[in-house]
Amino acid sequence: MKGINILHIVIWKEGKFFVANCLEFGVASQGESYKEAKKNIQEAIELYLEEVDGLEEKQYIPHINNIRFDEIKINSLNINV
């Protein structure tokens, strides 16, 4: 399978929780802290890819070697993604 270099993951605070969403796969997760949301979305993506890989009707699913989070700035706030 062809490798993919970037997954776009958006994390925001909603009430008491941090919500994480992977835009490429439509996979979402949450956590009580930013760090927990990052860990949970990574696990959710890995589980999603395992499940889709096991389907009889194959669809294009990129091979992902690892998930890395980079820092970006939004509205002058430091956000770790």
PDB file of N, CA and C in Angstrom:
ATOM      1  N   MET A   1       0.838  -1.193   0.000  1.00  0.00           N
ATOM      2  CA  MET A   1       0.000   0.000   0.000  1.00  0.00           C
ATOM      3  C   MET A   1       0.875   1.246   0.000  1.00  0.00           C
ATOM      4  N   LYS A   2       0.373   2.264  -0.626  1.00  0.00           N
ATOM      5  CA  LYS A   2       1.076   3.534  -0.669  1.00  0.00           C
ATOM      6  C   LYS A   2       1.034   4.197   0.707  1.00  0.00           C
ATOM      7  N   GLY A   3       2.138   4.807   1.113  1.00  0.00           N
ATOM      8  CA  GLY A   3       2.201   5.480   2.408  1.00  0.00           C
ATOM      9  C   GLY A   3       1.549   6.853   2.370  1.00  0.00           C
ATOM     10  N   ILE A   4       1.110   7.309   3.505  1.00  0.00           N
ATOM     11  CA  ILE A   4       0.551   8.655   3.634  1.00  0.00           C
ATOM     12  C   ILE A   4       1.442   9.414   4.602  1.00  0.00           C
ATOM     13  N   ASN A   5       1.712  10.663   4.304  1.00  0.00           N
ATOM     14  CA  ASN A   5       2.622  11.442   5.129  1.00  0.00           C
ATOM     15  C   ASN A   5       1.921  12.265   6.196  1.00  0.00           C
ATOM     16  N   ILE A   6       0.722  12.720   5.919  1.00  0.00           N
ATOM     17  CA  ILE A   6       0.074  13.645   6.851  1.00  0.00           C
ATOM     18  C   ILE A   6      -1.377  13.246   7.084  1.00  0.00           C
ATOM     19  N   LEU A   7      -1.777  13.228   8.340  1.00  0.00           N
ATOM     20  CA  LEU A   7      -3.180  13.142   8.720  1.00  0.00           C
ATOM     21  C   LEU A   7      -3.522  14.452   9.397  1.00  0.00           C
ATOM     22  N   HIS A   8      -4.657  15.004   9.083  1.00  0.00           N
ATOM     23  CA  HIS A   8      -5.086  16.255   9.700  1.00  0.00           C
ATOM     24  C   HIS A   8      -5.993  15.930  10.875  1.00  0.00           C
ATOM     25  N   ILE A   9      -5.536  16.277  12.063  1.00  0.00           N
ATOM     26  CA  ILE A   9      -6.284  16.021  13.288  1.00  0.00           C
ATOM     27  C   ILE A   9      -6.550  17.348  13.964  1.00  0.00           C
ATOM     28  N   VAL A  10      -7.817  17.595  14.235  1.00  0.00           N
ATOM     29  CA  VAL A  10      -8.221  18.832  14.890  1.00  0.00           C
ATOM     30  C   VAL A  10      -8.662  18.482  16.305  1.00  0.00           C
ATOM     31  N   ILE A  11      -8.156  19.238  17.272  1.00  0.00           N
ATOM     32  CA  ILE A  11      -8.525  19.027  18.673  1.00  0.00           C
ATOM     33  C   ILE A  11      -9.032  20.350  19.233  1.00  0.00           C
ATOM     34  N   TRP A  12     -10.187  20.301  19.875  1.00  0.00           N
ATOM     35  CA  TRP A  12     -10.744  21.500  20.487  1.00  0.00           C
ATOM     36  C   TRP A  12     -11.409  21.133  21.797  1.00  0.00           C
ATOM     37  N   LYS A  13     -11.610  22.141  22.641  1.00  0.00           N
ATOM     38  CA  LYS A  13     -12.268  21.921  23.916  1.00  0.00           C
ATOM     39  C   LYS A  13     -13.762  22.165  23.750  1.00  0.00           C
ATOM     40  N   GLU A  14     -14.545  21.212  24.246  1.00  0.00           N
ATOM     41  CA  GLU A  14     -15.992  21.305  24.186  1.00  0.00           C
ATOM     42  C   GLU A  14     -16.526  20.941  25.569  1.00  0.00           C
ATOM     43  N   GLY A  15     -16.936  21.933  26.324  1.00  0.00           N
ATOM     44  CA  GLY A  15     -17.366  21.688  27.701  1.00  0.00           C
ATOM     45  C   GLY A  15     -16.189  21.233  28.549  1.00  0.00           C
ATOM     46  N   LYS A  16     -16.344  20.096  29.204  1.00  0.00           N
ATOM     47  CA  LYS A  16     -15.281  19.557  30.060  1.00  0.00           C
ATOM     48  C   LYS A  16     -14.287  18.684  29.301  1.00  0.00           C
ATOM     49  N   PHE A  17     -14.571  18.396  28.029  1.00  0.00           N
ATOM     50  CA  PHE A  17     -13.753  17.451  27.277  1.00  0.00           C
ATOM     51  C   PHE A  17     -13.020  18.108  26.118  1.00  0.00           C
ATOM     52  N   PHE A  18     -11.934  17.459  25.709  1.00  0.00           N
ATOM     53  CA  PHE A  18     -11.224  17.808  24.492  1.00  0.00           C
ATOM     54  C   PHE A  18     -11.646  16.797  23.440  1.00  0.00           C
ATOM     55  N   VAL A  19     -12.106  17.284  22.296  1.00  0.00           N
ATOM     56  CA  VAL A  19     -12.585  16.442  21.212  1.00  0.00           C
ATOM     57  C   VAL A  19     -11.526  16.428  20.112  1.00  0.00           C
ATOM     58  N   ALA A  20     -11.234  15.242  19.581  1.00  0.00           N
ATOM     59  CA  ALA A  20     -10.247  15.093  18.515  1.00  0.00           C
ATOM     60  C   ALA A  20     -10.929  14.458  17.312  1.00  0.00           C
ATOM     61  N   ASN A  21     -10.641  14.990  16.117  1.00  0.00           N
ATOM     62  CA  ASN A  21     -11.259  14.497  14.896  1.00  0.00           C
ATOM     63  C   ASN A  21     -10.195  14.369  13.817  1.00  0.00           C
ATOM     64  N   CYS A  22     -10.097  13.177  13.214  1.00  0.00           N
ATOM     65  CA  CYS A  22      -9.199  12.955  12.077  1.00  0.00           C
ATOM     66  C   CYS A  22      -9.999  13.226  10.811  1.00  0.00           C
ATOM     67  N   LEU A  23      -9.630  14.268  10.069  1.00  0.00           N
ATOM     68  CA  LEU A  23     -10.408  14.709   8.921  1.00  0.00           C
ATOM     69  C   LEU A  23     -10.383  13.707   7.763  1.00  0.00           C
ATOM     70  N   GLU A  24      -9.278  13.010   7.563  1.00  0.00           N
ATOM     71  CA  GLU A  24      -9.174  12.078   6.438  1.00  0.00           C
ATOM     72  C   GLU A  24     -10.082  10.855   6.598  1.00  0.00           C
ATOM     73  N   PHE A  25     -10.241  10.357   7.809  1.00  0.00           N
ATOM     74  CA  PHE A  25     -10.977   9.119   8.028  1.00  0.00           C
ATOM     75  C   PHE A  25     -12.332   9.324   8.691  1.00  0.00           C
ATOM     76  N   GLY A  26     -12.629  10.517   9.167  1.00  0.00           N
ATOM     77  CA  GLY A  26     -13.881  10.741   9.874  1.00  0.00           C
ATOM     78  C   GLY A  26     -13.924  10.041  11.220  1.00  0.00           C
ATOM     79  N   VAL A  27     -12.763   9.816  11.802  1.00  0.00           N
ATOM     80  CA  VAL A  27     -12.646   9.151  13.107  1.00  0.00           C
ATOM     81  C   VAL A  27     -12.551  10.225  14.180  1.00  0.00           C
ATOM     82  N   ALA A  28     -13.289  10.048  15.268  1.00  0.00           N
ATOM     83  CA  ALA A  28     -13.270  11.022  16.354  1.00  0.00           C
ATOM     84  C   ALA A  28     -13.076  10.315  17.683  1.00  0.00           C
ATOM     85  N   SER A  29     -12.584  11.073  18.651  1.00  0.00           N
ATOM     86  CA  SER A  29     -12.405  10.569  20.007  1.00  0.00           C
ATOM     87  C   SER A  29     -12.425  11.770  20.936  1.00  0.00           C
ATOM     88  N   GLN A  30     -12.265  11.503  22.215  1.00  0.00           N
ATOM     89  CA  GLN A  30     -12.241  12.597  23.185  1.00  0.00           C
ATOM     90  C   GLN A  30     -11.411  12.194  24.386  1.00  0.00           C
ATOM     91  N   GLY A  31     -11.155  13.158  25.251  1.00  0.00           N
ATOM     92  CA  GLY A  31     -10.435  12.902  26.490  1.00  0.00           C
ATOM     93  C   GLY A  31     -10.693  14.023  27.471  1.00  0.00           C
ATOM     94  N   GLU A  32     -10.425  13.747  28.725  1.00  0.00           N
ATOM     95  CA  GLU A  32     -10.614  14.774  29.756  1.00  0.00           C
ATOM     96  C   GLU A  32      -9.502  15.810  29.740  1.00  0.00           C
ATOM     97  N   SER A  33      -8.392  15.496  29.059  1.00  0.00           N
ATOM     98  CA  SER A  33      -7.288  16.446  28.902  1.00  0.00           C
ATOM     99  C   SER A  33      -6.862  16.443  27.437  1.00  0.00           C
ATOM    100  N   TYR A  34      -6.101  17.444  27.068  1.00  0.00           N
ATOM    101  CA  TYR A  34      -5.586  17.519  25.699  1.00  0.00           C
ATOM    102  C   TYR A  34      -4.716  16.309  25.396  1.00  0.00           C
ATOM    103  N   LYS A  35      -3.860  15.964  26.351  1.00  0.00           N
ATOM    104  CA  LYS A  35      -2.950  14.825  26.194  1.00  0.00           C
ATOM    105  C   LYS A  35      -3.743  13.524  26.011  1.00  0.00           C
ATOM    106  N   GLU A  36      -4.794  13.340  26.790  1.00  0.00           N
ATOM    107  CA  GLU A  36      -5.617  12.133  26.687  1.00  0.00           C
ATOM    108  C   GLU A  36      -6.344  12.085  25.336  1.00  0.00           C
ATOM    109  N   ALA A  37      -6.816  13.227  24.843  1.00  0.00           N
ATOM    110  CA  ALA A  37      -7.479  13.271  23.539  1.00  0.00           C
ATOM    111  C   ALA A  37      -6.511  12.874  22.428  1.00  0.00           C
ATOM    112  N   LYS A  38      -5.259  13.317  22.502  1.00  0.00           N
ATOM    113  CA  LYS A  38      -4.246  12.942  21.517  1.00  0.00           C
ATOM    114  C   LYS A  38      -4.011  11.437  21.534  1.00  0.00           C
ATOM    115  N   LYS A  39      -3.872  10.879  22.726  1.00  0.00           N
ATOM    116  CA  LYS A  39      -3.644   9.441  22.866  1.00  0.00           C
ATOM    117  C   LYS A  39      -4.849   8.663  22.336  1.00  0.00           C
ATOM    118  N   ASN A  40      -6.037   9.115  22.668  1.00  0.00           N
ATOM    119  CA  ASN A  40      -7.245   8.405  22.255  1.00  0.00           C
ATOM    120  C   ASN A  40      -7.491   8.457  20.754  1.00  0.00           C
ATOM    121  N   ILE A  41      -7.192   9.595  20.104  1.00  0.00           N
ATOM    122  CA  ILE A  41      -7.404   9.671  18.659  1.00  0.00           C
ATOM    123  C   ILE A  41      -6.404   8.784  17.932  1.00  0.00           C
ATOM    124  N   GLN A  42      -5.191   8.707  18.436  1.00  0.00           N
ATOM    125  CA  GLN A  42      -4.201   7.822  17.815  1.00  0.00           C
ATOM    126  C   GLN A  42      -4.674   6.372  17.899  1.00  0.00           C
ATOM    127  N   GLU A  43      -5.165   5.975  19.048  1.00  0.00           N
ATOM    128  CA  GLU A  43      -5.671   4.608  19.222  1.00  0.00           C
ATOM    129  C   GLU A  43      -6.896   4.373  18.331  1.00  0.00           C
ATOM    130  N   ALA A  44      -7.781   5.354  18.242  1.00  0.00           N
ATOM    131  CA  ALA A  44      -8.981   5.217  17.412  1.00  0.00           C
ATOM    132  C   ALA A  44      -8.620   5.051  15.933  1.00  0.00           C
ATOM    133  N   ILE A  45      -7.625   5.790  15.459  1.00  0.00           N
ATOM    134  CA  ILE A  45      -7.189   5.674  14.066  1.00  0.00           C
ATOM    135  C   ILE A  45      -6.599   4.297  13.815  1.00  0.00           C
ATOM    136  N   GLU A  46      -5.772   3.814  14.738  1.00  0.00           N
ATOM    137  CA  GLU A  46      -5.168   2.496  14.585  1.00  0.00           C
ATOM    138  C   GLU A  46      -6.246   1.407  14.543  1.00  0.00           C
ATOM    139  N   LEU A  47      -7.249   1.500  15.421  1.00  0.00           N
ATOM    140  CA  LEU A  47      -8.342   0.522  15.432  1.00  0.00           C
ATOM    141  C   LEU A  47      -9.168   0.598  14.150  1.00  0.00           C
ATOM    142  N   TYR A  48      -9.416   1.797  13.672  1.00  0.00           N
ATOM    143  CA  TYR A  48     -10.161   1.994  12.429  1.00  0.00           C
ATOM    144  C   TYR A  48      -9.439   1.315  11.267  1.00  0.00           C
ATOM    145  N   LEU A  49      -8.131   1.530  11.174  1.00  0.00           N
ATOM    146  CA  LEU A  49      -7.367   0.958  10.069  1.00  0.00           C
ATOM    147  C   LEU A  49      -7.332  -0.566  10.150  1.00  0.00           C
ATOM    148  N   GLU A  50      -7.241  -1.120  11.356  1.00  0.00           N
ATOM    149  CA  GLU A  50      -7.277  -2.578  11.517  1.00  0.00           C
ATOM    150  C   GLU A  50      -8.624  -3.130  11.053  1.00  0.00           C
ATOM    151  N   GLU A  51      -9.702  -2.463  11.433  1.00  0.00           N
ATOM    152  CA  GLU A  51     -11.047  -2.926  11.078  1.00  0.00           C
ATOM    153  C   GLU A  51     -11.269  -2.855   9.574  1.00  0.00           C
ATOM    154  N   VAL A  52     -10.908  -1.761   8.963  1.00  0.00           N
ATOM    155  CA  VAL A  52     -11.118  -1.587   7.526  1.00  0.00           C
ATOM    156  C   VAL A  52     -10.253  -2.563   6.739  1.00  0.00           C
ATOM    157  N   ASP A  53      -9.050  -2.833   7.221  1.00  0.00           N
ATOM    158  CA  ASP A  53      -8.148  -3.761   6.545  1.00  0.00           C
ATOM    159  C   ASP A  53      -8.730  -5.175   6.535  1.00  0.00           C
ATOM    160  N   GLY A  54      -9.568  -5.506   7.524  1.00  0.00           N
ATOM    161  CA  GLY A  54     -10.150  -6.831   7.614  1.00  0.00           C
ATOM    162  C   GLY A  54     -11.429  -7.009   6.810  1.00  0.00           C
ATOM    163  N   LEU A  55     -11.945  -5.973   6.201  1.00  0.00           N
ATOM    164  CA  LEU A  55     -13.178  -6.073   5.418  1.00  0.00           C
ATOM    165  C   LEU A  55     -12.942  -6.872   4.138  1.00  0.00           C
ATOM    166  N   GLU A  56     -13.946  -7.632   3.729  1.00  0.00           N
ATOM    167  CA  GLU A  56     -13.834  -8.400   2.488  1.00  0.00           C
ATOM    168  C   GLU A  56     -13.794  -7.491   1.278  1.00  0.00           C
ATOM    169  N   GLU A  57     -14.658  -6.478   1.259  1.00  0.00           N
ATOM    170  CA  GLU A  57     -14.684  -5.529   0.147  1.00  0.00           C
ATOM    171  C   GLU A  57     -13.624  -4.473   0.404  1.00  0.00           C
ATOM    172  N   LYS A  58     -12.510  -4.589  -0.288  1.00  0.00           N
ATOM    173  CA  LYS A  58     -11.376  -3.699  -0.046  1.00  0.00           C
ATOM    174  C   LYS A  58     -11.624  -2.323  -0.651  1.00  0.00           C
ATOM    175  N   GLN A  59     -11.162  -1.336   0.060  1.00  0.00           N
ATOM    176  CA  GLN A  59     -11.167   0.018  -0.440  1.00  0.00           C
ATOM    177  C   GLN A  59      -9.769   0.579  -0.219  1.00  0.00           C
ATOM    178  N   TYR A  60      -9.450   1.696  -0.840  1.00  0.00           N
ATOM    179  CA  TYR A  60      -8.114   2.253  -0.678  1.00  0.00           C
ATOM    180  C   TYR A  60      -7.937   2.780   0.736  1.00  0.00           C
ATOM    181  N   ILE A  61      -7.033   2.191   1.442  1.00  0.00           N
ATOM    182  CA  ILE A  61      -6.668   2.636   2.780  1.00  0.00           C
ATOM    183  C   ILE A  61      -5.158   2.819   2.788  1.00  0.00           C
ATOM    184  N   PRO A  62      -4.684   4.012   3.061  1.00  0.00           N
ATOM    185  CA  PRO A  62      -3.235   4.232   3.054  1.00  0.00           C
ATOM    186  C   PRO A  62      -2.556   3.507   4.207  1.00  0.00           C
ATOM    187  N   HIS A  63      -1.326   3.130   3.987  1.00  0.00           N
ATOM    188  CA  HIS A  63      -0.508   2.528   5.036  1.00  0.00           C
ATOM    189  C   HIS A  63       0.121   3.659   5.851  1.00  0.00           C
ATOM    190  N   ILE A  64      -0.040   3.633   7.149  1.00  0.00           N
ATOM    191  CA  ILE A  64       0.504   4.679   8.005  1.00  0.00           C
ATOM    192  C   ILE A  64       1.562   4.060   8.904  1.00  0.00           C
ATOM    193  N   ASN A  65       2.777   4.565   8.807  1.00  0.00           N
ATOM    194  CA  ASN A  65       3.872   4.027   9.615  1.00  0.00           C
ATOM    195  C   ASN A  65       3.797   4.488  11.060  1.00  0.00           C
ATOM    196  N   ASN A  66       3.463   5.740  11.278  1.00  0.00           N
ATOM    197  CA  ASN A  66       3.318   6.261  12.630  1.00  0.00           C
ATOM    198  C   ASN A  66       2.511   7.557  12.582  1.00  0.00           C
ATOM    199  N   ILE A  67       2.088   7.994  13.742  1.00  0.00           N
ATOM    200  CA  ILE A  67       1.327   9.233  13.840  1.00  0.00           C
ATOM    201  C   ILE A  67       2.149  10.208  14.663  1.00  0.00           C
ATOM    202  N   ARG A  68       2.384  11.383  14.105  1.00  0.00           N
ATOM    203  CA  ARG A  68       3.166  12.412  14.793  1.00  0.00           C
ATOM    204  C   ARG A  68       2.314  13.658  14.904  1.00  0.00           C
ATOM    205  N   PHE A  69       2.395  14.314  16.038  1.00  0.00           N
ATOM    206  CA  PHE A  69       1.649  15.544  16.262  1.00  0.00           C
ATOM    207  C   PHE A  69       2.616  16.723  16.180  1.00  0.00           C
ATOM    208  N   ASP A  70       2.267  17.720  15.379  1.00  0.00           N
ATOM    209  CA  ASP A  70       3.062  18.942  15.249  1.00  0.00           C
ATOM    210  C   ASP A  70       2.312  20.098  15.877  1.00  0.00           C
ATOM    211  N   GLU A  71       3.033  21.151  16.168  1.00  0.00           N
ATOM    212  CA  GLU A  71       2.428  22.335  16.776  1.00  0.00           C
ATOM    213  C   GLU A  71       2.069  23.352  15.706  1.00  0.00           C
ATOM    214  N   ILE A  72       0.883  23.937  15.845  1.00  0.00           N
ATOM    215  CA  ILE A  72       0.470  25.018  14.958  1.00  0.00           C
ATOM    216  C   ILE A  72      -0.064  26.166  15.810  1.00  0.00           C
ATOM    217  N   LYS A  73      -0.216  27.326  15.204  1.00  0.00           N
ATOM    218  CA  LYS A  73      -0.802  28.466  15.911  1.00  0.00           C
ATOM    219  C   LYS A  73      -2.124  28.828  15.269  1.00  0.00           C
ATOM    220  N   ILE A  74      -3.134  29.037  16.100  1.00  0.00           N
ATOM    221  CA  ILE A  74      -4.450  29.472  15.632  1.00  0.00           C
ATOM    222  C   ILE A  74      -4.866  30.670  16.472  1.00  0.00           C
ATOM    223  N   ASN A  75      -5.214  31.765  15.810  1.00  0.00           N
ATOM    224  CA  ASN A  75      -5.663  32.976  16.500  1.00  0.00           C
ATOM    225  C   ASN A  75      -4.714  33.400  17.617  1.00  0.00           C
ATOM    226  N   SER A  76      -3.424  33.378  17.328  1.00  0.00           N
ATOM    227  CA  SER A  76      -2.383  33.794  18.269  1.00  0.00           C
ATOM    228  C   SER A  76      -2.280  32.920  19.514  1.00  0.00           C
ATOM    229  N   LEU A  77      -2.893  31.744  19.490  1.00  0.00           N
ATOM    230  CA  LEU A  77      -2.777  30.804  20.604  1.00  0.00           C
ATOM    231  C   LEU A  77      -1.894  29.651  20.180  1.00  0.00           C
ATOM    232  N   ASN A  78      -1.005  29.184  21.054  1.00  0.00           N
ATOM    233  CA  ASN A  78      -0.229  28.001  20.772  1.00  0.00           C
ATOM    234  C   ASN A  78      -1.111  26.784  20.978  1.00  0.00           C
ATOM    235  N   ILE A  79      -1.244  25.993  19.952  1.00  0.00           N
ATOM    236  CA  ILE A  79      -2.058  24.785  20.010  1.00  0.00           C
ATOM    237  C   ILE A  79      -1.148  23.618  19.605  1.00  0.00           C
ATOM    238  N   ASN A  80      -1.028  22.602  20.448  1.00  0.00           N
ATOM    239  CA  ASN A  80      -0.279  21.403  20.083  1.00  0.00           C
ATOM    240  C   ASN A  80      -1.237  20.434  19.425  1.00  0.00           C
ATOM    241  N   VAL A  81      -0.880  19.995  18.241  1.00  0.00           N
ATOM    242  CA  VAL A  81      -1.768  19.095  17.505  1.00  0.00           C
ATOM    243  C   VAL A  81      -1.112  17.759  17.352  1.00  0.00           C
TER     244      VAL A  81
END
